[in-house]
Amino acid sequence: MKQLTAVLTALGMVALLTACKPEIGSKAWCENMQAKPKGDWTVNEATDYAKHCLLK
């Protein structure tokens, strides 16, 4: 029973953390990416930034 509680707690925390992220391509997401150091961007983030924030 303790294991089930721990798993459900972990899943709940993950759901809360992922729900706080702005949607890719939204104004908030573009602003967050502008504030993030370019060296920390992933290839996917850079591609999404170019697609959604620069080439709108």
PDB file of N, CA and C in Angstrom:
ATOM      1  N   MET A   1       0.818  -1.186   0.000  1.00  0.00           N
ATOM      2  CA  MET A   1       0.000   0.000   0.000  1.00  0.00           C
ATOM      3  C   MET A   1       0.866   1.255   0.000  1.00  0.00           C
ATOM      4  N   LYS A   2       2.005   1.206   0.718  1.00  0.00           N
ATOM      5  CA  LYS A   2       2.906   2.351   0.754  1.00  0.00           C
ATOM      6  C   LYS A   2       3.476   2.642  -0.632  1.00  0.00           C
ATOM      7  N   GLN A   3       3.754   1.594  -1.378  1.00  0.00           N
ATOM      8  CA  GLN A   3       4.308   1.769  -2.717  1.00  0.00           C
ATOM      9  C   GLN A   3       3.296   2.442  -3.639  1.00  0.00           C
ATOM     10  N   LEU A   4       2.051   2.054  -3.536  1.00  0.00           N
ATOM     11  CA  LEU A   4       0.997   2.652  -4.348  1.00  0.00           C
ATOM     12  C   LEU A   4       0.851   4.136  -4.014  1.00  0.00           C
ATOM     13  N   THR A   5       0.895   4.466  -2.742  1.00  0.00           N
ATOM     14  CA  THR A   5       0.797   5.861  -2.318  1.00  0.00           C
ATOM     15  C   THR A   5       1.976   6.662  -2.857  1.00  0.00           C
ATOM     16  N   ALA A   6       3.168   6.089  -2.793  1.00  0.00           N
ATOM     17  CA  ALA A   6       4.353   6.774  -3.291  1.00  0.00           C
ATOM     18  C   ALA A   6       4.270   6.999  -4.798  1.00  0.00           C
ATOM     19  N   VAL A   7       3.801   6.015  -5.529  1.00  0.00           N
ATOM     20  CA  VAL A   7       3.663   6.135  -6.977  1.00  0.00           C
ATOM     21  C   VAL A   7       2.626   7.191  -7.329  1.00  0.00           C
ATOM     22  N   LEU A   8       1.498   7.176  -6.666  1.00  0.00           N
ATOM     23  CA  LEU A   8       0.444   8.163  -6.934  1.00  0.00           C
ATOM     24  C   LEU A   8       0.906   9.578  -6.573  1.00  0.00           C
ATOM     25  N   THR A   9       1.652   9.705  -5.502  1.00  0.00           N
ATOM     26  CA  THR A   9       2.192  11.006  -5.120  1.00  0.00           C
ATOM     27  C   THR A   9       3.172  11.513  -6.176  1.00  0.00           C
ATOM     28  N   ALA A  10       4.041  10.644  -6.640  1.00  0.00           N
ATOM     29  CA  ALA A  10       5.012  11.030  -7.670  1.00  0.00           C
ATOM     30  C   ALA A  10       4.307  11.423  -8.964  1.00  0.00           C
ATOM     31  N   LEU A  11       3.303  10.677  -9.372  1.00  0.00           N
ATOM     32  CA  LEU A  11       2.555  11.012 -10.583  1.00  0.00           C
ATOM     33  C   LEU A  11       1.828  12.347 -10.440  1.00  0.00           C
ATOM     34  N   GLY A  12       1.293  12.600  -9.283  1.00  0.00           N
ATOM     35  CA  GLY A  12       0.620  13.865  -9.026  1.00  0.00           C
ATOM     36  C   GLY A  12       1.582  15.037  -9.107  1.00  0.00           C
ATOM     37  N   MET A  13       2.778  14.868  -8.577  1.00  0.00           N
ATOM     38  CA  MET A  13       3.781  15.940  -8.621  1.00  0.00           C
ATOM     39  C   MET A  13       4.221  16.203 -10.056  1.00  0.00           C
ATOM     40  N   VAL A  14       4.402  15.164 -10.828  1.00  0.00           N
ATOM     41  CA  VAL A  14       4.781  15.323 -12.228  1.00  0.00           C
ATOM     42  C   VAL A  14       3.685  16.055 -12.991  1.00  0.00           C
ATOM     43  N   ALA A  15       2.456  15.706 -12.741  1.00  0.00           N
ATOM     44  CA  ALA A  15       1.332  16.356 -13.416  1.00  0.00           C
ATOM     45  C   ALA A  15       1.268  17.837 -13.064  1.00  0.00           C
ATOM     46  N   LEU A  16       1.519  18.168 -11.823  1.00  0.00           N
ATOM     47  CA  LEU A  16       1.501  19.575 -11.411  1.00  0.00           C
ATOM     48  C   LEU A  16       2.631  20.363 -12.060  1.00  0.00           C
ATOM     49  N   LEU A  17       3.803  19.765 -12.132  1.00  0.00           N
ATOM     50  CA  LEU A  17       4.946  20.467 -12.707  1.00  0.00           C
ATOM     51  C   LEU A  17       4.800  20.660 -14.208  1.00  0.00           C
ATOM     52  N   THR A  18       4.283  19.697 -14.904  1.00  0.00           N
ATOM     53  CA  THR A  18       4.143  19.823 -16.350  1.00  0.00           C
ATOM     54  C   THR A  18       2.996  20.737 -16.716  1.00  0.00           C
ATOM     55  N   ALA A  19       2.023  20.871 -15.852  1.00  0.00           N
ATOM     56  CA  ALA A  19       0.888  21.750 -16.134  1.00  0.00           C
ATOM     57  C   ALA A  19       1.290  23.217 -16.057  1.00  0.00           C
ATOM     58  N   CYS A  20       2.400  23.525 -15.413  1.00  0.00           N
ATOM     59  CA  CYS A  20       2.837  24.908 -15.238  1.00  0.00           C
ATOM     60  C   CYS A  20       3.624  25.431 -16.440  1.00  0.00           C
ATOM     61  N   LYS A  21       4.053  24.562 -17.308  1.00  0.00           N
ATOM     62  CA  LYS A  21       4.844  24.997 -18.457  1.00  0.00           C
ATOM     63  C   LYS A  21       3.933  25.624 -19.504  1.00  0.00           C
ATOM     64  N   PRO A  22       4.354  26.769 -20.046  1.00  0.00           N
ATOM     65  CA  PRO A  22       3.537  27.362 -21.116  1.00  0.00           C
ATOM     66  C   PRO A  22       3.590  26.508 -22.378  1.00  0.00           C
ATOM     67  N   GLU A  23       2.558  26.602 -23.176  1.00  0.00           N
ATOM     68  CA  GLU A  23       2.462  25.836 -24.408  1.00  0.00           C
ATOM     69  C   GLU A  23       3.523  26.317 -25.393  1.00  0.00           C
ATOM     70  N   ILE A  24       4.152  25.384 -26.083  1.00  0.00           N
ATOM     71  CA  ILE A  24       5.178  25.723 -27.071  1.00  0.00           C
ATOM     72  C   ILE A  24       4.567  26.627 -28.131  1.00  0.00           C
ATOM     73  N   GLY A  25       5.241  27.728 -28.376  1.00  0.00           N
ATOM     74  CA  GLY A  25       4.780  28.676 -29.380  1.00  0.00           C
ATOM     75  C   GLY A  25       3.950  29.813 -28.809  1.00  0.00           C
ATOM     76  N   SER A  26       3.544  29.699 -27.540  1.00  0.00           N
ATOM     77  CA  SER A  26       2.769  30.784 -26.928  1.00  0.00           C
ATOM     78  C   SER A  26       3.686  31.967 -26.633  1.00  0.00           C
ATOM     79  N   LYS A  27       3.084  33.114 -26.389  1.00  0.00           N
ATOM     80  CA  LYS A  27       3.869  34.310 -26.089  1.00  0.00           C
ATOM     81  C   LYS A  27       4.732  34.087 -24.848  1.00  0.00           C
ATOM     82  N   ALA A  28       4.161  33.468 -23.819  1.00  0.00           N
ATOM     83  CA  ALA A  28       4.911  33.195 -22.583  1.00  0.00           C
ATOM     84  C   ALA A  28       6.088  32.263 -22.843  1.00  0.00           C
ATOM     85  N   TRP A  29       5.878  31.267 -23.679  1.00  0.00           N
ATOM     86  CA  TRP A  29       6.958  30.325 -24.001  1.00  0.00           C
ATOM     87  C   TRP A  29       8.084  31.039 -24.733  1.00  0.00           C
ATOM     88  N   CYS A  30       7.735  31.873 -25.712  1.00  0.00           N
ATOM     89  CA  CYS A  30       8.749  32.626 -26.461  1.00  0.00           C
ATOM     90  C   CYS A  30       9.540  33.542 -25.523  1.00  0.00           C
ATOM     91  N   GLU A  31       8.848  34.189 -24.589  1.00  0.00           N
ATOM     92  CA  GLU A  31       9.529  35.064 -23.634  1.00  0.00           C
ATOM     93  C   GLU A  31      10.458  34.272 -22.723  1.00  0.00           C
ATOM     94  N   ASN A  32      10.009  33.093 -22.282  1.00  0.00           N
ATOM     95  CA  ASN A  32      10.868  32.230 -21.452  1.00  0.00           C
ATOM     96  C   ASN A  32      12.110  31.797 -22.209  1.00  0.00           C
ATOM     97  N   MET A  33      11.942  31.476 -23.487  1.00  0.00           N
ATOM     98  CA  MET A  33      13.089  31.051 -24.291  1.00  0.00           C
ATOM     99  C   MET A  33      14.064  32.213 -24.505  1.00  0.00           C
ATOM    100  N   GLN A  34      13.555  33.418 -24.672  1.00  0.00           N
ATOM    101  CA  GLN A  34      14.427  34.583 -24.840  1.00  0.00           C
ATOM    102  C   GLN A  34      15.268  34.813 -23.591  1.00  0.00           C
ATOM    103  N   ALA A  35      14.697  34.531 -22.430  1.00  0.00           N
ATOM    104  CA  ALA A  35      15.408  34.725 -21.166  1.00  0.00           C
ATOM    105  C   ALA A  35      16.393  33.598 -20.871  1.00  0.00           C
ATOM    106  N   LYS A  36      16.181  32.440 -21.456  1.00  0.00           N
ATOM    107  CA  LYS A  36      17.039  31.275 -21.227  1.00  0.00           C
ATOM    108  C   LYS A  36      18.322  31.423 -22.030  1.00  0.00           C
ATOM    109  N   PRO A  37      19.494  31.145 -21.428  1.00  0.00           N
ATOM    110  CA  PRO A  37      20.753  31.237 -22.182  1.00  0.00           C
ATOM    111  C   PRO A  37      20.719  30.333 -23.421  1.00  0.00           C
ATOM    112  N   LYS A  38      21.172  30.862 -24.536  1.00  0.00           N
ATOM    113  CA  LYS A  38      21.112  30.125 -25.811  1.00  0.00           C
ATOM    114  C   LYS A  38      21.897  28.813 -25.743  1.00  0.00           C
ATOM    115  N   GLY A  39      22.941  28.768 -24.959  1.00  0.00           N
ATOM    116  CA  GLY A  39      23.732  27.552 -24.819  1.00  0.00           C
ATOM    117  C   GLY A  39      22.997  26.428 -24.121  1.00  0.00           C
ATOM    118  N   ASP A  40      21.921  26.759 -23.425  1.00  0.00           N
ATOM    119  CA  ASP A  40      21.135  25.753 -22.704  1.00  0.00           C
ATOM    120  C   ASP A  40      19.961  25.222 -23.517  1.00  0.00           C
ATOM    121  N   TRP A  41      19.742  25.770 -24.705  1.00  0.00           N
ATOM    122  CA  TRP A  41      18.638  25.328 -25.556  1.00  0.00           C
ATOM    123  C   TRP A  41      18.949  23.961 -26.144  1.00  0.00           C
ATOM    124  N   THR A  42      17.922  23.137 -26.269  1.00  0.00           N
ATOM    125  CA  THR A  42      18.074  21.882 -26.997  1.00  0.00           C
ATOM    126  C   THR A  42      17.846  22.174 -28.484  1.00  0.00           C
ATOM    127  N   VAL A  43      18.167  21.223 -29.331  1.00  0.00           N
ATOM    128  CA  VAL A  43      17.936  21.384 -30.763  1.00  0.00           C
ATOM    129  C   VAL A  43      16.443  21.552 -31.033  1.00  0.00           C
ATOM    130  N   ASN A  44      15.626  20.776 -30.341  1.00  0.00           N
ATOM    131  CA  ASN A  44      14.172  20.886 -30.525  1.00  0.00           C
ATOM    132  C   ASN A  44      13.662  22.249 -30.088  1.00  0.00           C
ATOM    133  N   GLU A  45      14.179  22.772 -28.979  1.00  0.00           N
ATOM    134  CA  GLU A  45      13.761  24.092 -28.519  1.00  0.00           C
ATOM    135  C   GLU A  45      14.142  25.170 -29.525  1.00  0.00           C
ATOM    136  N   ALA A  46      15.351  25.097 -30.059  1.00  0.00           N
ATOM    137  CA  ALA A  46      15.790  26.081 -31.042  1.00  0.00           C
ATOM    138  C   ALA A  46      14.929  26.022 -32.302  1.00  0.00           C
ATOM    139  N   THR A  47      14.607  24.828 -32.738  1.00  0.00           N
ATOM    140  CA  THR A  47      13.745  24.660 -33.910  1.00  0.00           C
ATOM    141  C   THR A  47      12.351  25.219 -33.650  1.00  0.00           C
ATOM    142  N   ASP A  48      11.791  24.890 -32.487  1.00  0.00           N
ATOM    143  CA  ASP A  48      10.461  25.392 -32.141  1.00  0.00           C
ATOM    144  C   ASP A  48      10.470  26.912 -31.990  1.00  0.00           C
ATOM    145  N   TYR A  49      11.529  27.459 -31.410  1.00  0.00           N
ATOM    146  CA  TYR A  49      11.629  28.911 -31.255  1.00  0.00           C
ATOM    147  C   TYR A  49      11.636  29.588 -32.621  1.00  0.00           C
ATOM    148  N   ALA A  50      12.456  29.085 -33.528  1.00  0.00           N
ATOM    149  CA  ALA A  50      12.520  29.667 -34.870  1.00  0.00           C
ATOM    150  C   ALA A  50      11.168  29.557 -35.566  1.00  0.00           C
ATOM    151  N   LYS A  51      10.543  28.414 -35.435  1.00  0.00           N
ATOM    152  CA  LYS A  51       9.260  28.152 -36.130  1.00  0.00           C
ATOM    153  C   LYS A  51       8.129  29.010 -35.574  1.00  0.00           C
ATOM    154  N   HIS A  52       8.040  29.118 -34.245  1.00  0.00           N
ATOM    155  CA  HIS A  52       6.886  29.747 -33.617  1.00  0.00           C
ATOM    156  C   HIS A  52       7.092  31.210 -33.215  1.00  0.00           C
ATOM    157  N   CYS A  53       8.344  31.592 -32.963  1.00  0.00           N
ATOM    158  CA  CYS A  53       8.588  32.939 -32.443  1.00  0.00           C
ATOM    159  C   CYS A  53       9.203  33.882 -33.481  1.00  0.00           C
ATOM    160  N   LEU A  54       9.971  33.343 -34.375  1.00  0.00           N
ATOM    161  CA  LEU A  54      10.635  34.182 -35.383  1.00  0.00           C
ATOM    162  C   LEU A  54       9.904  34.203 -36.708  1.00  0.00           C
ATOM    163  N   LEU A  55       9.350  33.071 -37.115  1.00  0.00           N
ATOM    164  CA  LEU A  55       8.753  32.952 -38.454  1.00  0.00           C
ATOM    165  C   LEU A  55       7.239  32.989 -38.428  1.00  0.00           C
ATOM    166  N   LYS A  56       6.662  33.633 -37.455  1.00  0.00           N
ATOM    167  CA  LYS A  56       5.196  33.701 -37.350  1.00  0.00           C
ATOM    168  C   LYS A  56       4.601  34.347 -38.572  1.00  0.00           C
TER     169      LYS A  56
END
